[in-house]
Amino acid sequence: MCNEPKSLSTAGEVRVHCGAGTNGVSAAGIRHMINVRKLRAPLISANAFADPAWDILLEAFAGSLEENPCPARALSAASGVPQSTAHRWLAKLVSDGLMEPVTGERSDHYRLTQNGYLVMRNYFETAGLPI
């Protein structure tokens, strides 16, 4: 969990600054973001947040920042859905050109494509959280 400083933007969003003294995003900060999103479940119907693709992309982006491909089970855990559902979403993200399976010994691992990485990086930079 990230224990770094937080700030409030002019739009009222809380920005968490995770990393080694930077105002950017780190893998730990992204995983903190995933855990914070899970806090919504007891407050709002889970059906309101049924699309696990975003959490899969966040976890894959965290893996990219650590230069590690992500096992399918970790992507499933990050999204809070069964592995069979995560695999269907992974197939969709692969089809959309955002993720790709890792070939070789780690056949159950996935990573962002170059386009997927750029999409996620642009998202964080647009949100004012440079990488």
C-alpha atoms as a PDB file:
ATOM      1  CA  MET A   1       0.000   0.000   0.000  1.00  0.00           C
ATOM      2  CA  CYS A   2       1.194   3.470  -0.779  1.00  0.00           C
ATOM      3  CA  ASN A   3       1.905   5.741   2.166  1.00  0.00           C
ATOM      4  CA  GLU A   4       3.168   8.636   0.085  1.00  0.00           C
ATOM      5  CA  PRO A   5       1.757  12.176   0.253  1.00  0.00           C
ATOM      6  CA  LYS A   6      -1.654  12.926  -1.176  1.00  0.00           C
ATOM      7  CA  SER A   7      -2.866  16.195  -2.657  1.00  0.00           C
ATOM      8  CA  LEU A   8      -6.188  17.599  -3.746  1.00  0.00           C
ATOM      9  CA  SER A   9      -6.430  18.864  -7.317  1.00  0.00           C
ATOM     10  CA  THR A  10      -8.453  21.914  -8.272  1.00  0.00           C
ATOM     11  CA  ALA A  11     -11.173  19.551  -9.549  1.00  0.00           C
ATOM     12  CA  GLY A  12     -11.403  17.958  -6.102  1.00  0.00           C
ATOM     13  CA  GLU A  13      -9.783  14.594  -6.929  1.00  0.00           C
ATOM     14  CA  VAL A  14      -7.309  13.127  -4.494  1.00  0.00           C
ATOM     15  CA  ARG A  15      -3.985  12.511  -6.175  1.00  0.00           C
ATOM     16  CA  VAL A  16      -1.697   9.942  -4.629  1.00  0.00           C
ATOM     17  CA  HIS A  17       1.966  10.503  -5.376  1.00  0.00           C
ATOM     18  CA  CYS A  18       3.730   7.169  -5.174  1.00  0.00           C
ATOM     19  CA  GLY A  19       7.351   6.516  -5.869  1.00  0.00           C
ATOM     20  CA  ALA A  20      10.814   7.445  -4.780  1.00  0.00           C
ATOM     21  CA  GLY A  21      10.181  11.083  -4.058  1.00  0.00           C
ATOM     22  CA  THR A  22       8.488  11.756  -7.385  1.00  0.00           C
ATOM     23  CA  ASN A  23       5.109  13.165  -8.273  1.00  0.00           C
ATOM     24  CA  GLY A  24       4.608  10.315 -10.719  1.00  0.00           C
ATOM     25  CA  VAL A  25       3.043   6.907 -10.758  1.00  0.00           C
ATOM     26  CA  SER A  26       4.644   3.691  -9.546  1.00  0.00           C
ATOM     27  CA  ALA A  27       3.569   0.064  -9.691  1.00  0.00           C
ATOM     28  CA  ALA A  28       2.736   0.236  -5.973  1.00  0.00           C
ATOM     29  CA  GLY A  29       0.647   3.352  -6.551  1.00  0.00           C
ATOM     30  CA  ILE A  30      -1.315   1.648  -9.316  1.00  0.00           C
ATOM     31  CA  ARG A  31      -1.983  -1.375  -7.120  1.00  0.00           C
ATOM     32  CA  HIS A  32      -3.120   0.975  -4.358  1.00  0.00           C
ATOM     33  CA  MET A  33      -5.528   2.482  -6.887  1.00  0.00           C
ATOM     34  CA  ILE A  34      -6.940  -1.001  -7.607  1.00  0.00           C
ATOM     35  CA  ASN A  35      -7.434  -1.672  -3.889  1.00  0.00           C
ATOM     36  CA  VAL A  36      -9.114   1.700  -3.353  1.00  0.00           C
ATOM     37  CA  ARG A  37     -11.520   0.946  -6.217  1.00  0.00           C
ATOM     38  CA  LYS A  38     -12.491  -2.272  -4.413  1.00  0.00           C
ATOM     39  CA  LEU A  39     -13.719  -0.184  -1.478  1.00  0.00           C
ATOM     40  CA  ARG A  40     -16.737   0.782  -3.618  1.00  0.00           C
ATOM     41  CA  ALA A  41     -18.216  -2.735  -3.468  1.00  0.00           C
ATOM     42  CA  PRO A  42     -19.960  -2.465  -0.075  1.00  0.00           C
ATOM     43  CA  LEU A  43     -21.303   0.982  -0.946  1.00  0.00           C
ATOM     44  CA  ILE A  44     -22.593   0.561  -4.482  1.00  0.00           C
ATOM     45  CA  SER A  45     -24.008  -2.454  -6.318  1.00  0.00           C
ATOM     46  CA  ALA A  46     -21.217  -4.549  -7.788  1.00  0.00           C
ATOM     47  CA  ASN A  47     -23.142  -4.607 -11.075  1.00  0.00           C
ATOM     48  CA  ALA A  48     -22.373  -0.922 -11.458  1.00  0.00           C
ATOM     49  CA  PHE A  49     -18.698  -1.853 -11.866  1.00  0.00           C
ATOM     50  CA  ALA A  50     -19.000  -5.137 -13.749  1.00  0.00           C
ATOM     51  CA  ASP A  51     -16.364  -4.356 -16.409  1.00  0.00           C
ATOM     52  CA  PRO A  52     -13.043  -5.804 -15.168  1.00  0.00           C
ATOM     53  CA  ALA A  53     -11.034  -4.591 -18.180  1.00  0.00           C
ATOM     54  CA  TRP A  54      -9.836  -1.415 -16.458  1.00  0.00           C
ATOM     55  CA  ASP A  55      -8.429  -3.254 -13.428  1.00  0.00           C
ATOM     56  CA  ILE A  56      -6.749  -5.778 -15.742  1.00  0.00           C
ATOM     57  CA  LEU A  57      -5.151  -2.909 -17.668  1.00  0.00           C
ATOM     58  CA  LEU A  58      -4.046  -1.216 -14.429  1.00  0.00           C
ATOM     59  CA  GLU A  59      -2.379  -4.385 -13.148  1.00  0.00           C
ATOM     60  CA  ALA A  60      -0.738  -4.995 -16.535  1.00  0.00           C
ATOM     61  CA  PHE A  61       0.541  -1.402 -16.512  1.00  0.00           C
ATOM     62  CA  ALA A  62       1.979  -1.916 -13.026  1.00  0.00           C
ATOM     63  CA  GLY A  63       3.700  -5.023 -14.361  1.00  0.00           C
ATOM     64  CA  SER A  64       5.076  -3.000 -17.279  1.00  0.00           C
ATOM     65  CA  LEU A  65       6.533  -0.426 -14.898  1.00  0.00           C
ATOM     66  CA  GLU A  66       8.280  -3.286 -13.079  1.00  0.00           C
ATOM     67  CA  GLU A  67       9.264  -4.825 -16.446  1.00  0.00           C
ATOM     68  CA  ASN A  68       7.422  -8.038 -15.542  1.00  0.00           C
ATOM     69  CA  PRO A  69       4.681  -9.797 -17.479  1.00  0.00           C
ATOM     70  CA  CYS A  70       1.602 -10.590 -15.382  1.00  0.00           C
ATOM     71  CA  PRO A  71       0.292 -14.078 -14.689  1.00  0.00           C
ATOM     72  CA  ALA A  72      -3.343 -14.520 -15.677  1.00  0.00           C
ATOM     73  CA  ARG A  73      -4.197 -15.358 -12.055  1.00  0.00           C
ATOM     74  CA  ALA A  74      -2.826 -11.976 -10.876  1.00  0.00           C
ATOM     75  CA  LEU A  75      -4.867 -10.168 -13.532  1.00  0.00           C
ATOM     76  CA  SER A  76      -7.925 -12.111 -12.398  1.00  0.00           C
ATOM     77  CA  ALA A  77      -7.266 -11.224  -8.747  1.00  0.00           C
ATOM     78  CA  ALA A  78      -6.763  -7.538  -9.584  1.00  0.00           C
ATOM     79  CA  SER A  79     -10.075  -7.427 -11.424  1.00  0.00           C
ATOM     80  CA  GLY A  80     -11.983  -9.379  -8.778  1.00  0.00           C
ATOM     81  CA  VAL A  81     -13.467 -11.840 -11.270  1.00  0.00           C
ATOM     82  CA  PRO A  82     -13.038 -15.603 -11.716  1.00  0.00           C
ATOM     83  CA  GLN A  83     -10.168 -16.699 -13.943  1.00  0.00           C
ATOM     84  CA  SER A  84     -12.569 -17.836 -16.679  1.00  0.00           C
ATOM     85  CA  THR A  85     -14.069 -14.339 -16.844  1.00  0.00           C
ATOM     86  CA  ALA A  86     -10.624 -12.726 -16.750  1.00  0.00           C
ATOM     87  CA  HIS A  87      -9.547 -14.939 -19.660  1.00  0.00           C
ATOM     88  CA  ARG A  88     -12.530 -13.751 -21.716  1.00  0.00           C
ATOM     89  CA  TRP A  89     -11.580 -10.137 -20.999  1.00  0.00           C
ATOM     90  CA  LEU A  90      -7.934 -10.864 -21.771  1.00  0.00           C
ATOM     91  CA  ALA A  91      -9.007 -12.292 -25.141  1.00  0.00           C
ATOM     92  CA  LYS A  92     -10.938  -9.057 -25.792  1.00  0.00           C
ATOM     93  CA  LEU A  93      -7.982  -6.874 -24.783  1.00  0.00           C
ATOM     94  CA  VAL A  94      -5.678  -8.963 -26.999  1.00  0.00           C
ATOM     95  CA  SER A  95      -8.185  -8.601 -29.856  1.00  0.00           C
ATOM     96  CA  ASP A  96      -8.256  -4.831 -29.271  1.00  0.00           C
ATOM     97  CA  GLY A  97      -4.451  -4.705 -29.515  1.00  0.00           C
ATOM     98  CA  LEU A  98      -3.927  -3.535 -25.923  1.00  0.00           C
ATOM     99  CA  MET A  99      -2.427  -6.725 -24.482  1.00  0.00           C
ATOM    100  CA  GLU A 100      -0.537  -9.750 -25.743  1.00  0.00           C
ATOM    101  CA  PRO A 101       0.248 -13.186 -24.366  1.00  0.00           C
ATOM    102  CA  VAL A 102       3.868 -13.863 -23.496  1.00  0.00           C
ATOM    103  CA  THR A 103       5.246 -16.741 -25.513  1.00  0.00           C
ATOM    104  CA  GLY A 104       7.677 -19.305 -24.196  1.00  0.00           C
ATOM    105  CA  GLU A 105       7.952 -20.577 -20.639  1.00  0.00           C
ATOM    106  CA  ARG A 106       5.401 -18.099 -19.288  1.00  0.00           C
ATOM    107  CA  SER A 107       2.491 -19.066 -21.496  1.00  0.00           C
ATOM    108  CA  ASP A 108      -0.044 -18.024 -18.850  1.00  0.00           C
ATOM    109  CA  HIS A 109       1.427 -14.507 -18.641  1.00  0.00           C
ATOM    110  CA  TYR A 110       0.328 -11.351 -20.421  1.00  0.00           C
ATOM    111  CA  ARG A 111       1.768  -7.905 -20.984  1.00  0.00           C
ATOM    112  CA  LEU A 112       0.644  -4.650 -22.535  1.00  0.00           C
ATOM    113  CA  THR A 113       1.402  -4.156 -26.196  1.00  0.00           C
ATOM    114  CA  GLN A 114       3.330  -1.031 -27.117  1.00  0.00           C
ATOM    115  CA  ASN A 115      -0.005   0.603 -27.972  1.00  0.00           C
ATOM    116  CA  GLY A 116      -1.520  -0.562 -24.664  1.00  0.00           C
ATOM    117  CA  TYR A 117       1.409   0.911 -22.750  1.00  0.00           C
ATOM    118  CA  LEU A 118       1.063   4.232 -24.571  1.00  0.00           C
ATOM    119  CA  VAL A 119      -2.693   4.343 -23.908  1.00  0.00           C
ATOM    120  CA  MET A 120      -2.155   3.789 -20.172  1.00  0.00           C
ATOM    121  CA  ARG A 121       0.764   6.203 -19.999  1.00  0.00           C
ATOM    122  CA  ASN A 122      -1.290   8.883 -21.783  1.00  0.00           C
ATOM    123  CA  TYR A 123      -4.150   8.297 -19.342  1.00  0.00           C
ATOM    124  CA  PHE A 124      -1.930   8.931 -16.309  1.00  0.00           C
ATOM    125  CA  GLU A 125      -0.212  11.918 -17.899  1.00  0.00           C
ATOM    126  CA  THR A 126      -3.599  13.420 -18.826  1.00  0.00           C
ATOM    127  CA  ALA A 127      -4.681  12.871 -15.220  1.00  0.00           C
ATOM    128  CA  GLY A 128      -1.642  14.873 -14.092  1.00  0.00           C
ATOM    129  CA  LEU A 129       0.285  11.835 -12.868  1.00  0.00           C
ATOM    130  CA  PRO A 130       3.424  11.549 -15.017  1.00  0.00           C
ATOM    131  CA  ILE A 131       5.257   8.262 -15.208  1.00  0.00           C
END
